[in-house]
Amino acid sequence: MILTKSTRVFDAETGDELPRGEAPAWSVCVSSTRIKKFPGGEFGMPCILVLKRLPEGGSHDKLALNEILRDHGLAS
């Protein structure tokens, strides 16, 4: 995923928009799209989706992170 100052960031649990261009510390994020309506149709605009916030300072192994992705239907 690419995070720039203008990238929109959304919380997957609440749907709230977070500050643009800022992924919360200790969070699991994925690139996503958000549907936006234009006169010419509906298009998917790139954004960052915050799936979960992890306890700060903890150690998080790959299995735990993969489980978070599986819980959201994103792991293969």
N, C-alpha and C. Protein backbone atom coordinates (compact mmCIF):
# COMPACT_ATOMS: atom_id res chain seq x y z
N MET A 1 0.83 -1.17 0.00
CA MET A 1 0.00 0.00 0.00
C MET A 1 0.88 1.23 0.00
N ILE A 2 0.35 2.29 -0.57
CA ILE A 2 1.08 3.56 -0.61
C ILE A 2 0.30 4.57 0.22
N LEU A 3 0.99 5.17 1.17
CA LEU A 3 0.36 6.15 2.06
C LEU A 3 1.00 7.50 1.80
N THR A 4 0.20 8.45 1.32
CA THR A 4 0.67 9.81 1.09
C THR A 4 -0.14 10.76 1.97
N LYS A 5 0.21 12.03 1.95
CA LYS A 5 -0.51 13.02 2.76
C LYS A 5 -1.98 13.12 2.40
N SER A 6 -2.33 12.77 1.17
CA SER A 6 -3.72 12.90 0.73
C SER A 6 -4.50 11.59 0.77
N THR A 7 -3.86 10.48 1.16
CA THR A 7 -4.54 9.19 1.20
C THR A 7 -5.61 9.20 2.29
N ARG A 8 -6.82 8.80 1.91
CA ARG A 8 -7.90 8.73 2.89
C ARG A 8 -7.75 7.45 3.70
N VAL A 9 -8.00 7.54 5.00
CA VAL A 9 -7.84 6.43 5.93
C VAL A 9 -9.16 6.21 6.65
N PHE A 10 -9.63 4.95 6.68
CA PHE A 10 -10.91 4.63 7.32
C PHE A 10 -10.74 3.52 8.34
N ASP A 11 -11.52 3.59 9.41
CA ASP A 11 -11.56 2.55 10.44
C ASP A 11 -12.58 1.52 10.00
N ALA A 12 -12.16 0.26 9.84
CA ALA A 12 -13.06 -0.80 9.36
C ALA A 12 -14.17 -1.11 10.35
N GLU A 13 -13.94 -0.92 11.65
CA GLU A 13 -14.96 -1.26 12.64
C GLU A 13 -16.06 -0.22 12.73
N THR A 14 -15.70 1.06 12.60
CA THR A 14 -16.69 2.12 12.78
C THR A 14 -17.11 2.79 11.48
N GLY A 15 -16.25 2.69 10.45
CA GLY A 15 -16.51 3.41 9.21
C GLY A 15 -16.07 4.86 9.26
N ASP A 16 -15.54 5.29 10.41
CA ASP A 16 -15.09 6.67 10.56
C ASP A 16 -13.88 6.96 9.69
N GLU A 17 -13.83 8.17 9.16
CA GLU A 17 -12.64 8.60 8.44
C GLU A 17 -11.66 9.16 9.45
N LEU A 18 -10.43 8.71 9.37
CA LEU A 18 -9.35 9.16 10.25
C LEU A 18 -8.56 10.24 9.53
N PRO A 19 -7.62 10.89 10.21
CA PRO A 19 -6.84 11.93 9.53
C PRO A 19 -6.17 11.40 8.26
N ARG A 20 -6.24 12.17 7.19
CA ARG A 20 -5.66 11.76 5.91
C ARG A 20 -4.15 11.59 6.04
N GLY A 21 -3.66 10.55 5.39
CA GLY A 21 -2.23 10.32 5.32
C GLY A 21 -1.59 9.84 6.60
N GLU A 22 -2.40 9.40 7.59
CA GLU A 22 -1.85 8.95 8.86
C GLU A 22 -2.45 7.60 9.25
N ALA A 23 -1.61 6.57 9.24
CA ALA A 23 -2.05 5.27 9.74
C ALA A 23 -1.77 5.26 11.24
N PRO A 24 -2.75 4.88 12.06
CA PRO A 24 -2.51 4.87 13.50
C PRO A 24 -1.36 3.94 13.87
N ALA A 25 -0.58 4.35 14.86
CA ALA A 25 0.51 3.50 15.34
C ALA A 25 -0.07 2.18 15.84
N TRP A 26 0.69 1.12 15.68
CA TRP A 26 0.32 -0.22 16.17
C TRP A 26 -1.01 -0.68 15.59
N SER A 27 -1.19 -0.45 14.30
CA SER A 27 -2.43 -0.90 13.66
C SER A 27 -2.12 -1.81 12.48
N VAL A 28 -3.08 -2.66 12.17
CA VAL A 28 -3.00 -3.53 11.00
C VAL A 28 -3.82 -2.87 9.92
N CYS A 29 -3.16 -2.49 8.80
CA CYS A 29 -3.83 -1.75 7.73
C CYS A 29 -3.65 -2.49 6.41
N VAL A 30 -4.60 -2.31 5.51
CA VAL A 30 -4.51 -2.86 4.16
C VAL A 30 -4.95 -1.78 3.18
N SER A 31 -4.48 -1.92 1.95
CA SER A 31 -4.96 -1.00 0.92
C SER A 31 -6.35 -1.45 0.50
N SER A 32 -7.18 -0.49 0.14
CA SER A 32 -8.56 -0.79 -0.20
C SER A 32 -9.07 0.26 -1.18
N THR A 33 -10.34 0.18 -1.51
CA THR A 33 -10.99 1.21 -2.31
C THR A 33 -12.31 1.57 -1.64
N ARG A 34 -12.73 2.79 -1.85
CA ARG A 34 -14.01 3.26 -1.33
C ARG A 34 -14.79 3.77 -2.54
N ILE A 35 -16.03 3.34 -2.67
CA ILE A 35 -16.86 3.71 -3.81
C ILE A 35 -17.26 5.19 -3.70
N LYS A 36 -17.05 5.92 -4.78
CA LYS A 36 -17.43 7.32 -4.85
C LYS A 36 -18.24 7.53 -6.11
N LYS A 37 -19.35 8.26 -5.98
CA LYS A 37 -20.22 8.52 -7.13
C LYS A 37 -19.81 9.81 -7.82
N PHE A 38 -19.71 9.73 -9.14
CA PHE A 38 -19.41 10.87 -10.00
C PHE A 38 -20.50 10.92 -11.07
N PRO A 39 -20.62 12.04 -11.78
CA PRO A 39 -21.62 12.11 -12.83
C PRO A 39 -21.46 10.99 -13.87
N GLY A 40 -20.22 10.55 -14.10
CA GLY A 40 -19.97 9.51 -15.09
C GLY A 40 -20.10 8.09 -14.56
N GLY A 41 -20.42 7.94 -13.30
CA GLY A 41 -20.58 6.60 -12.72
C GLY A 41 -19.96 6.48 -11.35
N GLU A 42 -19.93 5.25 -10.85
CA GLU A 42 -19.33 4.97 -9.55
C GLU A 42 -17.95 4.36 -9.75
N PHE A 43 -16.98 4.85 -8.96
CA PHE A 43 -15.61 4.40 -9.11
C PHE A 43 -15.01 4.10 -7.74
N GLY A 44 -14.09 3.14 -7.71
CA GLY A 44 -13.38 2.81 -6.48
C GLY A 44 -12.17 3.72 -6.31
N MET A 45 -12.17 4.51 -5.27
CA MET A 45 -11.06 5.42 -4.98
C MET A 45 -10.14 4.76 -3.96
N PRO A 46 -8.83 4.84 -4.14
CA PRO A 46 -7.91 4.18 -3.21
C PRO A 46 -7.99 4.79 -1.81
N CYS A 47 -7.82 3.92 -0.83
CA CYS A 47 -7.78 4.35 0.56
C CYS A 47 -7.03 3.30 1.38
N ILE A 48 -6.81 3.62 2.64
CA ILE A 48 -6.21 2.68 3.59
C ILE A 48 -7.30 2.29 4.57
N LEU A 49 -7.40 1.00 4.87
CA LEU A 49 -8.40 0.49 5.79
C LEU A 49 -7.69 -0.04 7.03
N VAL A 50 -8.04 0.51 8.19
CA VAL A 50 -7.47 0.06 9.46
C VAL A 50 -8.33 -1.09 9.97
N LEU A 51 -7.77 -2.31 9.96
CA LEU A 51 -8.53 -3.48 10.37
C LEU A 51 -8.59 -3.63 11.88
N LYS A 52 -7.46 -3.37 12.54
CA LYS A 52 -7.41 -3.58 13.99
C LYS A 52 -6.26 -2.78 14.57
N ARG A 53 -6.46 -2.33 15.80
CA ARG A 53 -5.39 -1.67 16.55
C ARG A 53 -4.84 -2.67 17.55
N LEU A 54 -3.53 -2.82 17.57
CA LEU A 54 -2.87 -3.78 18.44
C LEU A 54 -2.39 -3.10 19.71
N PRO A 55 -2.20 -3.89 20.78
CA PRO A 55 -1.67 -3.30 22.01
C PRO A 55 -0.30 -2.69 21.75
N GLU A 56 -0.11 -1.47 22.21
CA GLU A 56 1.14 -0.76 21.96
C GLU A 56 2.31 -1.44 22.66
N GLY A 57 3.42 -1.55 21.93
CA GLY A 57 4.65 -2.07 22.51
C GLY A 57 4.74 -3.58 22.58
N GLY A 58 3.66 -4.28 22.25
CA GLY A 58 3.68 -5.74 22.34
C GLY A 58 4.41 -6.36 21.17
N SER A 59 4.72 -7.61 21.31
CA SER A 59 5.33 -8.37 20.23
C SER A 59 4.22 -9.09 19.49
N HIS A 60 4.19 -8.96 18.18
CA HIS A 60 3.13 -9.56 17.38
C HIS A 60 3.76 -10.41 16.29
N ASP A 61 3.51 -11.71 16.37
CA ASP A 61 4.12 -12.60 15.39
C ASP A 61 3.28 -12.70 14.13
N LYS A 62 3.86 -13.30 13.10
CA LYS A 62 3.19 -13.41 11.80
C LYS A 62 1.90 -14.21 11.90
N LEU A 63 1.86 -15.24 12.75
CA LEU A 63 0.64 -16.03 12.87
C LEU A 63 -0.51 -15.20 13.40
N ALA A 64 -0.24 -14.35 14.38
CA ALA A 64 -1.30 -13.49 14.93
C ALA A 64 -1.78 -12.49 13.88
N LEU A 65 -0.85 -11.93 13.11
CA LEU A 65 -1.24 -10.98 12.07
C LEU A 65 -2.01 -11.67 10.97
N ASN A 66 -1.60 -12.88 10.59
CA ASN A 66 -2.34 -13.64 9.58
C ASN A 66 -3.75 -13.97 10.06
N GLU A 67 -3.90 -14.23 11.34
CA GLU A 67 -5.23 -14.52 11.89
C GLU A 67 -6.14 -13.29 11.77
N ILE A 68 -5.60 -12.11 12.01
CA ILE A 68 -6.38 -10.88 11.86
C ILE A 68 -6.84 -10.74 10.40
N LEU A 69 -5.93 -11.00 9.47
CA LEU A 69 -6.29 -10.90 8.05
C LEU A 69 -7.34 -11.96 7.69
N ARG A 70 -7.19 -13.19 8.22
CA ARG A 70 -8.18 -14.24 7.95
C ARG A 70 -9.55 -13.86 8.51
N ASP A 71 -9.57 -13.26 9.70
CA ASP A 71 -10.84 -12.83 10.30
C ASP A 71 -11.60 -11.86 9.41
N HIS A 72 -10.86 -11.13 8.58
CA HIS A 72 -11.48 -10.15 7.66
C HIS A 72 -11.56 -10.69 6.24
N GLY A 73 -11.28 -11.98 6.07
CA GLY A 73 -11.39 -12.59 4.75
C GLY A 73 -10.30 -12.16 3.78
N LEU A 74 -9.12 -11.80 4.29
CA LEU A 74 -8.07 -11.29 3.42
C LEU A 74 -6.87 -12.21 3.26
N ALA A 75 -6.77 -13.26 4.04
CA ALA A 75 -5.63 -14.18 3.92
C ALA A 75 -5.96 -15.29 2.95
N SER A 76 -4.93 -15.78 2.28
CA SER A 76 -5.16 -16.86 1.32
C SER A 76 -4.94 -18.22 1.98
